[in-house]
Amino acid sequence: MKNLQQATLAQLQAYVAEVELRRGFAAETVQDKCLLLAEEVGELCKAIRKHHTSITTATDAKPQNVAEELADVLMYVLAIANKTEINLAEALIAKETKNEQRKWA
């Protein structure tokens, strides 16, 4: 996909499927993807902690880029949606329709 900046969620999902084929990740199972997603979420949390909290870290810790970690998380979420044959745009709309009926504190 040449212009990711204007991509819809469905286009991003298709892009991730194509990238996984090209990079040799298509054979990974949904379980593999979930484990990799958990790893990336951990890296995202570390980046948030490092840049947006007062919690101290080791002085020799490798800096984490929040934007890059969010992108990694999104890639794995889209990959898991592809592996489970879920149209994520439709799932989001359906879930938000349900959420609109809920009472929020």
N, C-alpha and C. Protein backbone atom coordinates (compact mmCIF):
# COMPACT_ATOMS: atom_id res chain seq x y z
N MET A 1 0.86 -1.17 0.00
CA MET A 1 0.00 0.00 0.00
C MET A 1 0.90 1.23 0.00
N LYS A 2 0.69 2.08 -0.93
CA LYS A 2 1.56 3.24 -1.08
C LYS A 2 1.24 4.37 -0.13
N ASN A 3 -0.03 4.60 0.16
CA ASN A 3 -0.39 5.75 0.98
C ASN A 3 -1.10 5.28 2.25
N LEU A 4 -0.33 4.91 3.25
CA LEU A 4 -0.90 4.44 4.51
C LEU A 4 -1.58 5.55 5.28
N GLN A 5 -1.21 6.80 5.03
CA GLN A 5 -1.78 7.92 5.78
C GLN A 5 -3.28 8.07 5.56
N GLN A 6 -3.78 7.68 4.41
CA GLN A 6 -5.20 7.83 4.09
C GLN A 6 -5.94 6.50 4.13
N ALA A 7 -5.31 5.45 4.66
CA ALA A 7 -5.89 4.11 4.64
C ALA A 7 -7.04 3.96 5.63
N THR A 8 -8.04 3.19 5.21
CA THR A 8 -9.12 2.82 6.12
C THR A 8 -8.64 1.64 6.96
N LEU A 9 -9.41 1.31 7.98
CA LEU A 9 -9.07 0.17 8.81
C LEU A 9 -9.03 -1.12 7.98
N ALA A 10 -9.99 -1.29 7.08
CA ALA A 10 -10.01 -2.47 6.21
C ALA A 10 -8.77 -2.52 5.31
N GLN A 11 -8.35 -1.38 4.80
CA GLN A 11 -7.15 -1.33 3.97
C GLN A 11 -5.90 -1.65 4.78
N LEU A 12 -5.84 -1.18 6.02
CA LEU A 12 -4.71 -1.50 6.89
C LEU A 12 -4.66 -3.00 7.18
N GLN A 13 -5.83 -3.59 7.40
CA GLN A 13 -5.89 -5.02 7.66
C GLN A 13 -5.39 -5.80 6.45
N ALA A 14 -5.79 -5.40 5.25
CA ALA A 14 -5.31 -6.04 4.03
C ALA A 14 -3.80 -5.83 3.86
N TYR A 15 -3.33 -4.65 4.19
CA TYR A 15 -1.89 -4.35 4.11
C TYR A 15 -1.09 -5.27 5.02
N VAL A 16 -1.57 -5.47 6.24
CA VAL A 16 -0.86 -6.34 7.18
C VAL A 16 -0.81 -7.78 6.65
N ALA A 17 -1.90 -8.25 6.07
CA ALA A 17 -1.92 -9.59 5.49
C ALA A 17 -0.87 -9.72 4.40
N GLU A 18 -0.75 -8.71 3.55
CA GLU A 18 0.23 -8.73 2.46
C GLU A 18 1.65 -8.66 3.02
N VAL A 19 1.88 -7.82 4.00
CA VAL A 19 3.21 -7.67 4.61
C VAL A 19 3.64 -8.97 5.27
N GLU A 20 2.72 -9.64 5.94
CA GLU A 20 3.05 -10.91 6.59
C GLU A 20 3.48 -11.95 5.57
N LEU A 21 2.82 -12.01 4.44
CA LEU A 21 3.23 -12.93 3.38
C LEU A 21 4.63 -12.59 2.87
N ARG A 22 4.84 -11.32 2.59
CA ARG A 22 6.11 -10.86 2.04
C ARG A 22 7.28 -11.08 3.01
N ARG A 23 7.03 -10.90 4.30
CA ARG A 23 8.09 -11.01 5.30
C ARG A 23 8.25 -12.41 5.89
N GLY A 24 7.39 -13.33 5.47
CA GLY A 24 7.51 -14.71 5.93
C GLY A 24 6.85 -14.99 7.27
N PHE A 25 5.88 -14.17 7.68
CA PHE A 25 5.22 -14.36 8.97
C PHE A 25 3.84 -15.02 8.84
N ALA A 26 3.41 -15.34 7.65
CA ALA A 26 2.04 -15.82 7.43
C ALA A 26 1.77 -17.16 8.10
N ALA A 27 2.79 -17.96 8.35
CA ALA A 27 2.59 -19.28 8.95
C ALA A 27 2.44 -19.22 10.47
N GLU A 28 2.69 -18.06 11.07
CA GLU A 28 2.54 -17.95 12.52
C GLU A 28 1.07 -18.14 12.89
N THR A 29 0.84 -18.87 13.99
CA THR A 29 -0.53 -19.15 14.43
C THR A 29 -1.11 -17.96 15.17
N VAL A 30 -2.41 -18.02 15.43
CA VAL A 30 -3.04 -16.96 16.21
C VAL A 30 -2.46 -16.94 17.62
N GLN A 31 -2.08 -18.11 18.14
CA GLN A 31 -1.44 -18.15 19.46
C GLN A 31 -0.09 -17.44 19.42
N ASP A 32 0.68 -17.67 18.35
CA ASP A 32 1.96 -16.97 18.18
C ASP A 32 1.73 -15.47 18.17
N LYS A 33 0.72 -15.04 17.43
CA LYS A 33 0.44 -13.60 17.30
C LYS A 33 0.04 -13.01 18.65
N CYS A 34 -0.73 -13.75 19.43
CA CYS A 34 -1.13 -13.24 20.75
C CYS A 34 0.08 -13.08 21.66
N LEU A 35 1.00 -14.02 21.63
CA LEU A 35 2.21 -13.90 22.44
C LEU A 35 3.05 -12.71 21.98
N LEU A 36 3.19 -12.55 20.68
CA LEU A 36 3.94 -11.41 20.15
C LEU A 36 3.25 -10.09 20.49
N LEU A 37 1.93 -10.08 20.44
CA LEU A 37 1.18 -8.88 20.82
C LEU A 37 1.45 -8.53 22.28
N ALA A 38 1.42 -9.53 23.15
CA ALA A 38 1.68 -9.29 24.58
C ALA A 38 3.08 -8.70 24.77
N GLU A 39 4.03 -9.20 24.02
CA GLU A 39 5.40 -8.68 24.10
C GLU A 39 5.44 -7.21 23.69
N GLU A 40 4.76 -6.87 22.61
CA GLU A 40 4.74 -5.49 22.14
C GLU A 40 3.99 -4.58 23.11
N VAL A 41 2.92 -5.06 23.71
CA VAL A 41 2.21 -4.26 24.70
C VAL A 41 3.13 -3.97 25.88
N GLY A 42 3.93 -4.96 26.28
CA GLY A 42 4.91 -4.74 27.34
C GLY A 42 5.91 -3.66 26.97
N GLU A 43 6.39 -3.69 25.74
CA GLU A 43 7.32 -2.66 25.28
C GLU A 43 6.65 -1.29 25.25
N LEU A 44 5.38 -1.25 24.85
CA LEU A 44 4.63 0.00 24.86
C LEU A 44 4.52 0.54 26.28
N CYS A 45 4.19 -0.33 27.22
CA CYS A 45 4.07 0.10 28.62
C CYS A 45 5.40 0.62 29.15
N LYS A 46 6.48 -0.02 28.76
CA LYS A 46 7.81 0.43 29.18
C LYS A 46 8.10 1.82 28.62
N ALA A 47 7.73 2.04 27.36
CA ALA A 47 7.95 3.35 26.73
C ALA A 47 7.12 4.42 27.43
N ILE A 48 5.87 4.11 27.75
CA ILE A 48 5.01 5.06 28.46
C ILE A 48 5.61 5.37 29.83
N ARG A 49 6.02 4.32 30.53
CA ARG A 49 6.61 4.51 31.85
C ARG A 49 7.83 5.40 31.77
N LYS A 50 8.67 5.17 30.79
CA LYS A 50 9.92 5.92 30.66
C LYS A 50 9.68 7.40 30.36
N HIS A 51 8.69 7.69 29.52
CA HIS A 51 8.50 9.05 29.03
C HIS A 51 7.36 9.83 29.67
N HIS A 52 6.48 9.13 30.38
CA HIS A 52 5.28 9.81 30.85
C HIS A 52 4.95 9.56 32.32
N THR A 53 5.89 9.04 33.08
CA THR A 53 5.66 8.84 34.52
C THR A 53 6.91 9.29 35.27
N SER A 54 6.79 9.30 36.57
CA SER A 54 7.93 9.66 37.40
C SER A 54 8.69 8.43 37.90
N ILE A 55 8.31 7.25 37.43
CA ILE A 55 8.98 6.01 37.83
C ILE A 55 10.37 6.00 37.19
N THR A 56 11.38 5.74 38.00
CA THR A 56 12.75 5.74 37.49
C THR A 56 13.08 4.42 36.82
N THR A 57 14.00 4.49 35.85
CA THR A 57 14.48 3.30 35.16
C THR A 57 16.00 3.29 35.21
N ALA A 58 16.57 2.18 34.83
CA ALA A 58 18.03 2.07 34.81
C ALA A 58 18.60 3.09 33.84
N THR A 59 19.74 3.63 34.18
CA THR A 59 20.35 4.67 33.33
C THR A 59 20.82 4.11 31.99
N ASP A 60 21.06 2.81 31.92
CA ASP A 60 21.52 2.22 30.66
C ASP A 60 20.38 1.56 29.87
N ALA A 61 19.13 1.81 30.27
CA ALA A 61 17.98 1.22 29.59
C ALA A 61 17.86 1.79 28.18
N LYS A 62 17.54 0.91 27.24
CA LYS A 62 17.36 1.33 25.85
C LYS A 62 16.06 2.14 25.75
N PRO A 63 16.12 3.34 25.19
CA PRO A 63 14.90 4.15 25.08
C PRO A 63 13.88 3.49 24.15
N GLN A 64 12.63 3.58 24.52
CA GLN A 64 11.54 3.04 23.72
C GLN A 64 10.77 4.20 23.12
N ASN A 65 10.37 4.06 21.90
CA ASN A 65 9.61 5.08 21.22
C ASN A 65 8.13 4.72 21.28
N VAL A 66 7.33 5.54 21.93
CA VAL A 66 5.91 5.25 22.13
C VAL A 66 5.20 5.06 20.79
N ALA A 67 5.45 5.92 19.84
CA ALA A 67 4.78 5.81 18.54
C ALA A 67 5.12 4.50 17.84
N GLU A 68 6.38 4.12 17.89
CA GLU A 68 6.79 2.85 17.26
C GLU A 68 6.15 1.66 17.95
N GLU A 69 6.08 1.68 19.27
CA GLU A 69 5.49 0.56 20.00
C GLU A 69 3.99 0.47 19.74
N LEU A 70 3.31 1.62 19.65
CA LEU A 70 1.89 1.61 19.29
C LEU A 70 1.68 1.03 17.89
N ALA A 71 2.57 1.37 16.98
CA ALA A 71 2.48 0.82 15.63
C ALA A 71 2.67 -0.69 15.64
N ASP A 72 3.61 -1.18 16.44
CA ASP A 72 3.82 -2.63 16.55
C ASP A 72 2.57 -3.31 17.10
N VAL A 73 1.97 -2.71 18.14
CA VAL A 73 0.75 -3.28 18.73
C VAL A 73 -0.36 -3.33 17.68
N LEU A 74 -0.53 -2.25 16.93
CA LEU A 74 -1.57 -2.22 15.90
C LEU A 74 -1.33 -3.30 14.85
N MET A 75 -0.09 -3.48 14.44
CA MET A 75 0.22 -4.50 13.44
C MET A 75 -0.20 -5.89 13.93
N TYR A 76 0.09 -6.20 15.20
CA TYR A 76 -0.29 -7.50 15.72
C TYR A 76 -1.80 -7.64 15.90
N VAL A 77 -2.47 -6.58 16.31
CA VAL A 77 -3.93 -6.64 16.42
C VAL A 77 -4.54 -6.92 15.04
N LEU A 78 -4.05 -6.24 14.03
CA LEU A 78 -4.55 -6.46 12.67
C LEU A 78 -4.23 -7.87 12.19
N ALA A 79 -3.04 -8.37 12.53
CA ALA A 79 -2.65 -9.72 12.13
C ALA A 79 -3.55 -10.76 12.79
N ILE A 80 -3.87 -10.56 14.07
CA ILE A 80 -4.75 -11.49 14.78
C ILE A 80 -6.15 -11.45 14.17
N ALA A 81 -6.62 -10.27 13.81
CA ALA A 81 -7.92 -10.16 13.14
C ALA A 81 -7.90 -10.94 11.82
N ASN A 82 -6.83 -10.83 11.08
CA ASN A 82 -6.71 -11.57 9.82
C ASN A 82 -6.71 -13.07 10.06
N LYS A 83 -5.93 -13.52 11.03
CA LYS A 83 -5.83 -14.96 11.32
C LYS A 83 -7.17 -15.55 11.75
N THR A 84 -7.99 -14.75 12.41
CA THR A 84 -9.29 -15.22 12.89
C THR A 84 -10.43 -14.83 11.95
N GLU A 85 -10.07 -14.28 10.80
CA GLU A 85 -11.02 -13.89 9.76
C GLU A 85 -12.09 -12.93 10.28
N ILE A 86 -11.63 -11.96 11.06
CA ILE A 86 -12.52 -10.93 11.60
C ILE A 86 -12.30 -9.63 10.84
N ASN A 87 -13.37 -9.05 10.35
CA ASN A 87 -13.31 -7.73 9.75
C ASN A 87 -13.32 -6.75 10.91
N LEU A 88 -12.18 -6.18 11.19
CA LEU A 88 -12.03 -5.35 12.39
C LEU A 88 -12.88 -4.09 12.33
N ALA A 89 -13.06 -3.52 11.17
CA ALA A 89 -13.91 -2.33 11.05
C ALA A 89 -15.34 -2.68 11.44
N GLU A 90 -15.84 -3.81 10.94
CA GLU A 90 -17.20 -4.24 11.29
C GLU A 90 -17.30 -4.58 12.77
N ALA A 91 -16.27 -5.23 13.31
CA ALA A 91 -16.27 -5.60 14.73
C ALA A 91 -16.30 -4.35 15.61
N LEU A 92 -15.54 -3.33 15.22
CA LEU A 92 -15.51 -2.09 15.99
C LEU A 92 -16.88 -1.41 15.99
N ILE A 93 -17.50 -1.36 14.84
CA ILE A 93 -18.83 -0.74 14.73
C ILE A 93 -19.84 -1.52 15.57
N ALA A 94 -19.82 -2.85 15.49
CA ALA A 94 -20.75 -3.67 16.26
C ALA A 94 -20.53 -3.49 17.76
N LYS A 95 -19.27 -3.46 18.18
CA LYS A 95 -18.98 -3.30 19.60
C LYS A 95 -19.41 -1.93 20.10
N GLU A 96 -19.16 -0.90 19.33
CA GLU A 96 -19.55 0.44 19.75
C GLU A 96 -21.07 0.59 19.77
N THR A 97 -21.76 -0.10 18.89
CA THR A 97 -23.22 -0.10 18.92
C THR A 97 -23.71 -0.69 20.23
N LYS A 98 -23.08 -1.78 20.67
CA LYS A 98 -23.41 -2.38 21.98
C LYS A 98 -23.05 -1.42 23.11
N ASN A 99 -21.88 -0.82 23.02
CA ASN A 99 -21.42 0.08 24.08
C ASN A 99 -22.36 1.28 24.25
N GLU A 100 -22.95 1.73 23.17
CA GLU A 100 -23.86 2.87 23.24
C GLU A 100 -25.09 2.54 24.09
N GLN A 101 -25.43 1.28 24.21
CA GLN A 101 -26.58 0.85 25.00
C GLN A 101 -26.24 0.66 26.48
N ARG A 102 -24.97 0.66 26.81
CA ARG A 102 -24.54 0.43 28.19
C ARG A 102 -24.60 1.71 28.99
N LYS A 103 -24.69 1.56 30.30
CA LYS A 103 -24.63 2.71 31.20
C LYS A 103 -23.20 2.83 31.69
N TRP A 104 -22.65 4.02 31.57
CA TRP A 104 -21.27 4.25 31.98
C TRP A 104 -21.28 5.18 33.19
N ALA A 105 -20.42 4.87 34.12
CA ALA A 105 -20.36 5.67 35.37
C ALA A 105 -19.83 7.06 35.12
